[in-house]
Amino acid sequence: MLKAFCVFSRNREILVYEKVDKKTGQAFLRPIGGKIEFGERSSEAIQREVYEETGQKIKELKLLGVLENIFTQAGDLHHEVDFVYDAKFANEDIYNLERIEVREGENLYFANWKSVNELQKSDPPFVPPDILKLLNQ
């Protein structure tokens, strides 16, 4: 599976929200993003995903790297390729908010700003974890 994520940053903090594995009940933190549709470029996918999830447009999109991620979720083994971007919200007022609504279909989440250091030892864990390595380069 191909996915695109965006690590919006604010003073060494990035925007993340908590989800829960439906089968195991294990919580995890992740950045905004999601699946790249067939025939869609990763840069188009992240713009679409951010807009669908937050209602916000983005600017200054920059590819930070591409990661291979193998993990277990909902009791199943997954293998994905993740395109990781940095960008800015076009509406800069977003950076003054402490939490931001994130919608995935019918589900409502709240994204918060967390420091990279906090995410390195976070419970629940941050996924995909190799994004933190990209941010520390």
N, C-alpha and C. Protein backbone atom coordinates (compact mmCIF):
# COMPACT_ATOMS: atom_id res chain seq x y z
N MET A 1 0.84 -1.17 0.00
CA MET A 1 0.00 0.00 0.00
C MET A 1 0.89 1.24 0.00
N LEU A 2 0.46 2.25 -0.71
CA LEU A 2 1.17 3.53 -0.75
C LEU A 2 0.43 4.53 0.11
N LYS A 3 1.17 5.25 0.96
CA LYS A 3 0.58 6.28 1.81
C LYS A 3 1.41 7.55 1.75
N ALA A 4 0.76 8.66 2.08
CA ALA A 4 1.44 9.95 2.18
C ALA A 4 1.09 10.56 3.53
N PHE A 5 2.11 11.09 4.20
CA PHE A 5 1.94 11.76 5.49
C PHE A 5 2.55 13.14 5.44
N CYS A 6 2.03 14.05 6.26
CA CYS A 6 2.59 15.39 6.34
C CYS A 6 2.90 15.71 7.80
N VAL A 7 4.11 16.16 8.05
CA VAL A 7 4.53 16.52 9.40
C VAL A 7 4.58 18.04 9.52
N PHE A 8 3.41 18.62 9.73
CA PHE A 8 3.34 20.05 9.96
C PHE A 8 4.13 20.35 11.23
N SER A 9 4.96 21.38 11.19
CA SER A 9 5.77 21.65 12.37
C SER A 9 5.52 23.05 12.92
N ARG A 10 5.70 23.12 14.24
CA ARG A 10 5.57 24.38 14.97
C ARG A 10 6.56 24.31 16.13
N ASN A 11 7.65 25.05 16.06
CA ASN A 11 8.63 25.11 17.14
C ASN A 11 9.09 23.72 17.61
N ARG A 12 9.59 22.91 16.71
CA ARG A 12 10.06 21.54 17.00
C ARG A 12 8.94 20.62 17.48
N GLU A 13 7.71 21.00 17.23
CA GLU A 13 6.57 20.14 17.50
C GLU A 13 5.93 19.78 16.17
N ILE A 14 5.32 18.59 16.11
CA ILE A 14 4.57 18.21 14.92
C ILE A 14 3.15 17.87 15.31
N LEU A 15 2.27 17.94 14.34
CA LEU A 15 0.85 17.72 14.57
C LEU A 15 0.53 16.23 14.44
N VAL A 16 -0.01 15.64 15.51
CA VAL A 16 -0.34 14.21 15.52
C VAL A 16 -1.70 14.01 16.17
N TYR A 17 -2.31 12.88 15.85
CA TYR A 17 -3.56 12.52 16.53
C TYR A 17 -3.54 11.04 16.87
N GLU A 18 -4.39 10.67 17.84
CA GLU A 18 -4.41 9.31 18.36
C GLU A 18 -5.50 8.49 17.70
N LYS A 19 -5.14 7.29 17.29
CA LYS A 19 -6.08 6.30 16.76
C LYS A 19 -5.93 5.02 17.58
N VAL A 20 -6.86 4.11 17.42
CA VAL A 20 -6.83 2.85 18.15
C VAL A 20 -7.00 1.70 17.18
N ASP A 21 -6.12 0.69 17.28
CA ASP A 21 -6.24 -0.54 16.49
C ASP A 21 -7.53 -1.23 16.92
N LYS A 22 -8.44 -1.43 15.97
CA LYS A 22 -9.77 -1.97 16.29
C LYS A 22 -9.74 -3.38 16.86
N LYS A 23 -8.79 -4.20 16.44
CA LYS A 23 -8.73 -5.58 16.93
C LYS A 23 -8.02 -5.71 18.27
N THR A 24 -6.93 -4.97 18.45
CA THR A 24 -6.13 -5.14 19.66
C THR A 24 -6.45 -4.12 20.74
N GLY A 25 -7.07 -3.00 20.36
CA GLY A 25 -7.32 -1.93 21.31
C GLY A 25 -6.10 -1.08 21.60
N GLN A 26 -4.98 -1.36 20.92
CA GLN A 26 -3.73 -0.61 21.11
C GLN A 26 -3.84 0.77 20.45
N ALA A 27 -3.58 1.81 21.23
CA ALA A 27 -3.59 3.17 20.71
C ALA A 27 -2.24 3.49 20.06
N PHE A 28 -2.24 4.43 19.12
CA PHE A 28 -1.00 4.91 18.50
C PHE A 28 -1.22 6.33 18.03
N LEU A 29 -0.14 7.07 17.88
CA LEU A 29 -0.16 8.43 17.36
C LEU A 29 0.35 8.42 15.94
N ARG A 30 -0.22 9.28 15.10
CA ARG A 30 0.26 9.37 13.72
C ARG A 30 0.05 10.78 13.19
N PRO A 31 0.80 11.15 12.16
CA PRO A 31 0.60 12.45 11.53
C PRO A 31 -0.59 12.40 10.57
N ILE A 32 -0.99 13.53 10.09
CA ILE A 32 -2.09 13.62 9.12
C ILE A 32 -1.63 13.01 7.80
N GLY A 33 -2.52 12.28 7.16
CA GLY A 33 -2.21 11.67 5.88
C GLY A 33 -3.04 10.42 5.65
N GLY A 34 -2.72 9.71 4.60
CA GLY A 34 -3.47 8.50 4.30
C GLY A 34 -3.09 7.89 2.97
N LYS A 35 -3.98 7.09 2.47
CA LYS A 35 -3.75 6.27 1.29
C LYS A 35 -3.63 7.11 0.01
N ILE A 36 -2.69 6.71 -0.82
CA ILE A 36 -2.55 7.29 -2.16
C ILE A 36 -3.45 6.47 -3.08
N GLU A 37 -4.36 7.13 -3.75
CA GLU A 37 -5.28 6.44 -4.66
C GLU A 37 -4.54 6.04 -5.94
N PHE A 38 -5.03 4.99 -6.61
CA PHE A 38 -4.43 4.54 -7.87
C PHE A 38 -4.44 5.69 -8.88
N GLY A 39 -3.29 5.94 -9.51
CA GLY A 39 -3.17 6.99 -10.52
C GLY A 39 -2.93 8.38 -9.94
N GLU A 40 -2.83 8.48 -8.62
CA GLU A 40 -2.63 9.76 -7.95
C GLU A 40 -1.17 9.88 -7.53
N ARG A 41 -0.58 11.01 -7.72
CA ARG A 41 0.78 11.27 -7.25
C ARG A 41 0.74 11.50 -5.74
N SER A 42 1.83 11.18 -5.06
CA SER A 42 1.87 11.33 -3.60
C SER A 42 1.64 12.79 -3.20
N SER A 43 2.16 13.73 -3.97
CA SER A 43 1.97 15.15 -3.65
C SER A 43 0.50 15.56 -3.77
N GLU A 44 -0.21 14.97 -4.72
CA GLU A 44 -1.64 15.24 -4.86
C GLU A 44 -2.41 14.58 -3.71
N ALA A 45 -1.99 13.37 -3.35
CA ALA A 45 -2.66 12.63 -2.29
C ALA A 45 -2.57 13.36 -0.96
N ILE A 46 -1.40 13.90 -0.62
CA ILE A 46 -1.28 14.55 0.68
C ILE A 46 -2.09 15.83 0.72
N GLN A 47 -2.16 16.54 -0.38
CA GLN A 47 -3.00 17.74 -0.41
C GLN A 47 -4.48 17.37 -0.23
N ARG A 48 -4.90 16.31 -0.90
CA ARG A 48 -6.28 15.84 -0.78
C ARG A 48 -6.57 15.35 0.63
N GLU A 49 -5.67 14.52 1.18
CA GLU A 49 -5.87 13.96 2.51
C GLU A 49 -5.95 15.05 3.58
N VAL A 50 -5.05 16.02 3.51
CA VAL A 50 -5.07 17.11 4.49
C VAL A 50 -6.39 17.87 4.39
N TYR A 51 -6.83 18.14 3.17
CA TYR A 51 -8.09 18.87 3.00
C TYR A 51 -9.28 18.04 3.50
N GLU A 52 -9.31 16.75 3.16
CA GLU A 52 -10.41 15.89 3.62
C GLU A 52 -10.43 15.78 5.15
N GLU A 53 -9.26 15.68 5.76
CA GLU A 53 -9.19 15.45 7.20
C GLU A 53 -9.31 16.72 8.03
N THR A 54 -8.84 17.85 7.51
CA THR A 54 -8.83 19.09 8.31
C THR A 54 -9.65 20.22 7.70
N GLY A 55 -9.99 20.12 6.41
CA GLY A 55 -10.66 21.23 5.74
C GLY A 55 -9.72 22.36 5.39
N GLN A 56 -8.41 22.11 5.50
CA GLN A 56 -7.40 23.15 5.27
C GLN A 56 -6.59 22.88 4.01
N LYS A 57 -6.22 23.96 3.33
CA LYS A 57 -5.31 23.87 2.19
C LYS A 57 -3.89 24.05 2.70
N ILE A 58 -2.93 23.54 1.90
CA ILE A 58 -1.53 23.63 2.31
C ILE A 58 -0.70 24.32 1.24
N LYS A 59 0.49 24.76 1.65
CA LYS A 59 1.44 25.42 0.74
C LYS A 59 2.85 24.97 1.09
N GLU A 60 3.80 25.30 0.25
CA GLU A 60 5.22 25.00 0.47
C GLU A 60 5.46 23.52 0.76
N LEU A 61 4.86 22.68 -0.06
CA LEU A 61 4.99 21.23 0.08
C LEU A 61 6.40 20.78 -0.29
N LYS A 62 7.02 19.99 0.60
CA LYS A 62 8.40 19.53 0.37
C LYS A 62 8.50 18.07 0.80
N LEU A 63 8.99 17.22 -0.10
CA LEU A 63 9.19 15.80 0.22
C LEU A 63 10.41 15.66 1.12
N LEU A 64 10.21 15.06 2.30
CA LEU A 64 11.31 14.82 3.23
C LEU A 64 11.99 13.49 2.97
N GLY A 65 11.21 12.50 2.51
CA GLY A 65 11.78 11.19 2.25
C GLY A 65 10.71 10.15 2.00
N VAL A 66 11.16 8.97 1.64
CA VAL A 66 10.28 7.83 1.38
C VAL A 66 10.73 6.70 2.29
N LEU A 67 9.77 6.10 3.00
CA LEU A 67 10.07 5.05 3.97
C LEU A 67 9.34 3.77 3.61
N GLU A 68 9.93 2.65 3.96
CA GLU A 68 9.26 1.37 3.86
C GLU A 68 8.87 0.96 5.28
N ASN A 69 7.61 0.62 5.46
CA ASN A 69 7.08 0.35 6.79
C ASN A 69 6.38 -1.01 6.80
N ILE A 70 6.86 -1.92 7.66
CA ILE A 70 6.24 -3.23 7.82
C ILE A 70 5.77 -3.30 9.27
N PHE A 71 4.48 -3.56 9.48
CA PHE A 71 3.91 -3.51 10.82
C PHE A 71 2.67 -4.38 10.91
N THR A 72 2.21 -4.60 12.14
CA THR A 72 0.97 -5.34 12.39
C THR A 72 -0.07 -4.36 12.90
N GLN A 73 -1.25 -4.40 12.30
CA GLN A 73 -2.37 -3.56 12.73
C GLN A 73 -3.64 -4.38 12.59
N ALA A 74 -4.49 -4.26 13.55
CA ALA A 74 -5.75 -5.02 13.57
C ALA A 74 -5.47 -6.51 13.41
N GLY A 75 -4.31 -6.95 13.93
CA GLY A 75 -3.95 -8.35 13.89
C GLY A 75 -3.41 -8.84 12.55
N ASP A 76 -3.30 -7.96 11.58
CA ASP A 76 -2.83 -8.34 10.24
C ASP A 76 -1.49 -7.68 9.94
N LEU A 77 -0.63 -8.40 9.20
CA LEU A 77 0.66 -7.87 8.77
C LEU A 77 0.43 -6.94 7.58
N HIS A 78 1.04 -5.75 7.64
CA HIS A 78 0.93 -4.76 6.56
C HIS A 78 2.33 -4.38 6.08
N HIS A 79 2.40 -4.01 4.81
CA HIS A 79 3.65 -3.56 4.20
C HIS A 79 3.28 -2.34 3.36
N GLU A 80 3.85 -1.19 3.72
CA GLU A 80 3.51 0.02 2.98
C GLU A 80 4.75 0.84 2.67
N VAL A 81 4.61 1.68 1.67
CA VAL A 81 5.63 2.66 1.31
C VAL A 81 5.03 4.02 1.64
N ASP A 82 5.75 4.78 2.47
CA ASP A 82 5.24 6.06 2.97
C ASP A 82 6.04 7.22 2.39
N PHE A 83 5.34 8.15 1.75
CA PHE A 83 5.93 9.39 1.27
C PHE A 83 5.70 10.41 2.38
N VAL A 84 6.77 10.96 2.91
CA VAL A 84 6.67 11.87 4.05
C VAL A 84 6.99 13.29 3.59
N TYR A 85 6.04 14.18 3.84
CA TYR A 85 6.15 15.57 3.41
C TYR A 85 6.19 16.51 4.60
N ASP A 86 6.75 17.67 4.35
CA ASP A 86 6.62 18.83 5.22
C ASP A 86 5.81 19.83 4.41
N ALA A 87 5.00 20.61 5.09
CA ALA A 87 4.22 21.65 4.42
C ALA A 87 3.79 22.65 5.47
N LYS A 88 3.17 23.72 4.99
CA LYS A 88 2.60 24.72 5.88
C LYS A 88 1.10 24.82 5.56
N PHE A 89 0.32 25.08 6.60
CA PHE A 89 -1.09 25.37 6.37
C PHE A 89 -1.18 26.73 5.69
N ALA A 90 -2.03 26.85 4.68
CA ALA A 90 -2.23 28.14 4.02
C ALA A 90 -2.81 29.14 5.01
N ASN A 91 -3.70 28.68 5.89
CA ASN A 91 -4.27 29.51 6.93
C ASN A 91 -3.34 29.45 8.14
N GLU A 92 -2.53 30.46 8.33
CA GLU A 92 -1.52 30.43 9.39
C GLU A 92 -2.12 30.53 10.79
N ASP A 93 -3.40 30.87 10.91
CA ASP A 93 -4.06 30.90 12.23
C ASP A 93 -4.10 29.52 12.87
N ILE A 94 -4.00 28.47 12.06
CA ILE A 94 -4.00 27.09 12.57
C ILE A 94 -2.88 26.89 13.59
N TYR A 95 -1.76 27.56 13.39
CA TYR A 95 -0.60 27.38 14.27
C TYR A 95 -0.83 27.94 15.67
N ASN A 96 -1.86 28.76 15.84
CA ASN A 96 -2.19 29.31 17.16
C ASN A 96 -3.12 28.40 17.95
N LEU A 97 -3.66 27.38 17.30
CA LEU A 97 -4.58 26.46 17.96
C LEU A 97 -3.80 25.36 18.67
N GLU A 98 -4.26 24.95 19.82
CA GLU A 98 -3.60 23.85 20.53
C GLU A 98 -4.09 22.49 20.06
N ARG A 99 -5.31 22.45 19.50
CA ARG A 99 -5.81 21.19 18.93
C ARG A 99 -6.64 21.51 17.70
N ILE A 100 -6.62 20.56 16.78
CA ILE A 100 -7.27 20.74 15.49
C ILE A 100 -8.14 19.53 15.21
N GLU A 101 -9.36 19.76 14.74
CA GLU A 101 -10.24 18.64 14.39
C GLU A 101 -9.70 17.91 13.17
N VAL A 102 -9.73 16.59 13.24
CA VAL A 102 -9.33 15.72 12.13
C VAL A 102 -10.48 14.74 11.90
N ARG A 103 -10.96 14.67 10.68
CA ARG A 103 -12.04 13.74 10.34
C ARG A 103 -11.53 12.67 9.39
N GLU A 104 -11.86 11.43 9.72
CA GLU A 104 -11.61 10.30 8.82
C GLU A 104 -12.95 9.62 8.64
N GLY A 105 -13.61 9.89 7.53
CA GLY A 105 -14.95 9.36 7.32
C GLY A 105 -15.89 9.90 8.38
N GLU A 106 -16.52 8.99 9.12
CA GLU A 106 -17.45 9.38 10.18
C GLU A 106 -16.75 9.64 11.51
N ASN A 107 -15.45 9.33 11.59
CA ASN A 107 -14.72 9.45 12.86
C ASN A 107 -14.12 10.84 13.03
N LEU A 108 -14.26 11.36 14.24
CA LEU A 108 -13.69 12.66 14.59
C LEU A 108 -12.57 12.46 15.61
N TYR A 109 -11.41 13.04 15.32
CA TYR A 109 -10.25 12.99 16.21
C TYR A 109 -9.80 14.42 16.47
N PHE A 110 -8.91 14.58 17.41
CA PHE A 110 -8.31 15.88 17.67
C PHE A 110 -6.80 15.75 17.61
N ALA A 111 -6.19 16.52 16.71
CA ALA A 111 -4.73 16.52 16.57
C ALA A 111 -4.15 17.56 17.51
N ASN A 112 -3.02 17.22 18.10
CA ASN A 112 -2.31 18.10 19.02
C ASN A 112 -0.86 18.24 18.58
N TRP A 113 -0.22 19.28 19.04
CA TRP A 113 1.20 19.51 18.77
C TRP A 113 2.02 18.76 19.82
N LYS A 114 2.95 17.92 19.37
CA LYS A 114 3.83 17.16 20.27
C LYS A 114 5.27 17.36 19.81
N SER A 115 6.18 17.48 20.77
CA SER A 115 7.59 17.65 20.42
C SER A 115 8.14 16.33 19.88
N VAL A 116 9.16 16.44 19.05
CA VAL A 116 9.81 15.26 18.50
C VAL A 116 10.39 14.42 19.63
N ASN A 117 10.99 15.08 20.63
CA ASN A 117 11.54 14.34 21.78
C ASN A 117 10.46 13.57 22.51
N GLU A 118 9.31 14.19 22.70
CA GLU A 118 8.18 13.53 23.37
C GLU A 118 7.71 12.32 22.58
N LEU A 119 7.69 12.43 21.26
CA LEU A 119 7.21 11.34 20.41
C LEU A 119 8.19 10.16 20.39
N GLN A 120 9.47 10.41 20.60
CA GLN A 120 10.46 9.33 20.59
C GLN A 120 10.25 8.35 21.73
N LYS A 121 9.66 8.80 22.83
CA LYS A 121 9.42 7.91 23.96
C LYS A 121 7.94 7.90 24.32
N SER A 122 7.12 8.14 23.34
CA SER A 122 5.68 8.29 23.55
C SER A 122 4.97 6.98 23.86
N ASP A 123 3.99 7.08 24.74
CA ASP A 123 3.05 5.99 24.98
C ASP A 123 1.67 6.63 24.97
N PRO A 124 0.88 6.42 23.94
CA PRO A 124 1.03 5.41 22.89
C PRO A 124 2.15 5.76 21.91
N PRO A 125 2.63 4.74 21.17
CA PRO A 125 3.75 4.96 20.25
C PRO A 125 3.36 5.78 19.03
N PHE A 126 4.36 6.46 18.49
CA PHE A 126 4.21 7.23 17.25
C PHE A 126 4.50 6.31 16.07
N VAL A 127 3.64 6.35 15.05
CA VAL A 127 3.84 5.54 13.84
C VAL A 127 3.63 6.38 12.59
N PRO A 128 4.31 6.06 11.51
CA PRO A 128 5.45 5.16 11.43
C PRO A 128 6.67 5.77 12.12
N PRO A 129 7.37 4.98 12.94
CA PRO A 129 8.45 5.52 13.77
C PRO A 129 9.63 6.09 12.99
N ASP A 130 9.87 5.62 11.79
CA ASP A 130 11.02 6.11 11.01
C ASP A 130 10.85 7.57 10.57
N ILE A 131 9.64 8.10 10.68
CA ILE A 131 9.46 9.53 10.37
C ILE A 131 10.31 10.37 11.33
N LEU A 132 10.41 9.92 12.57
CA LEU A 132 11.21 10.68 13.55
C LEU A 132 12.68 10.71 13.15
N LYS A 133 13.17 9.64 12.52
CA LYS A 133 14.56 9.63 12.04
C LYS A 133 14.74 10.67 10.93
N LEU A 134 13.75 10.79 10.06
CA LEU A 134 13.83 11.81 9.01
C LEU A 134 13.88 13.21 9.61
N LEU A 135 13.10 13.43 10.65
CA LEU A 135 13.04 14.75 11.26
C LEU A 135 14.32 15.10 12.00
N ASN A 136 15.06 14.10 12.46
CA ASN A 136 16.30 14.34 13.19
C ASN A 136 17.51 14.49 12.28
N GLN A 137 17.33 14.32 10.97
CA GLN A 137 18.45 14.43 10.04
C GLN A 137 18.76 15.89 9.77
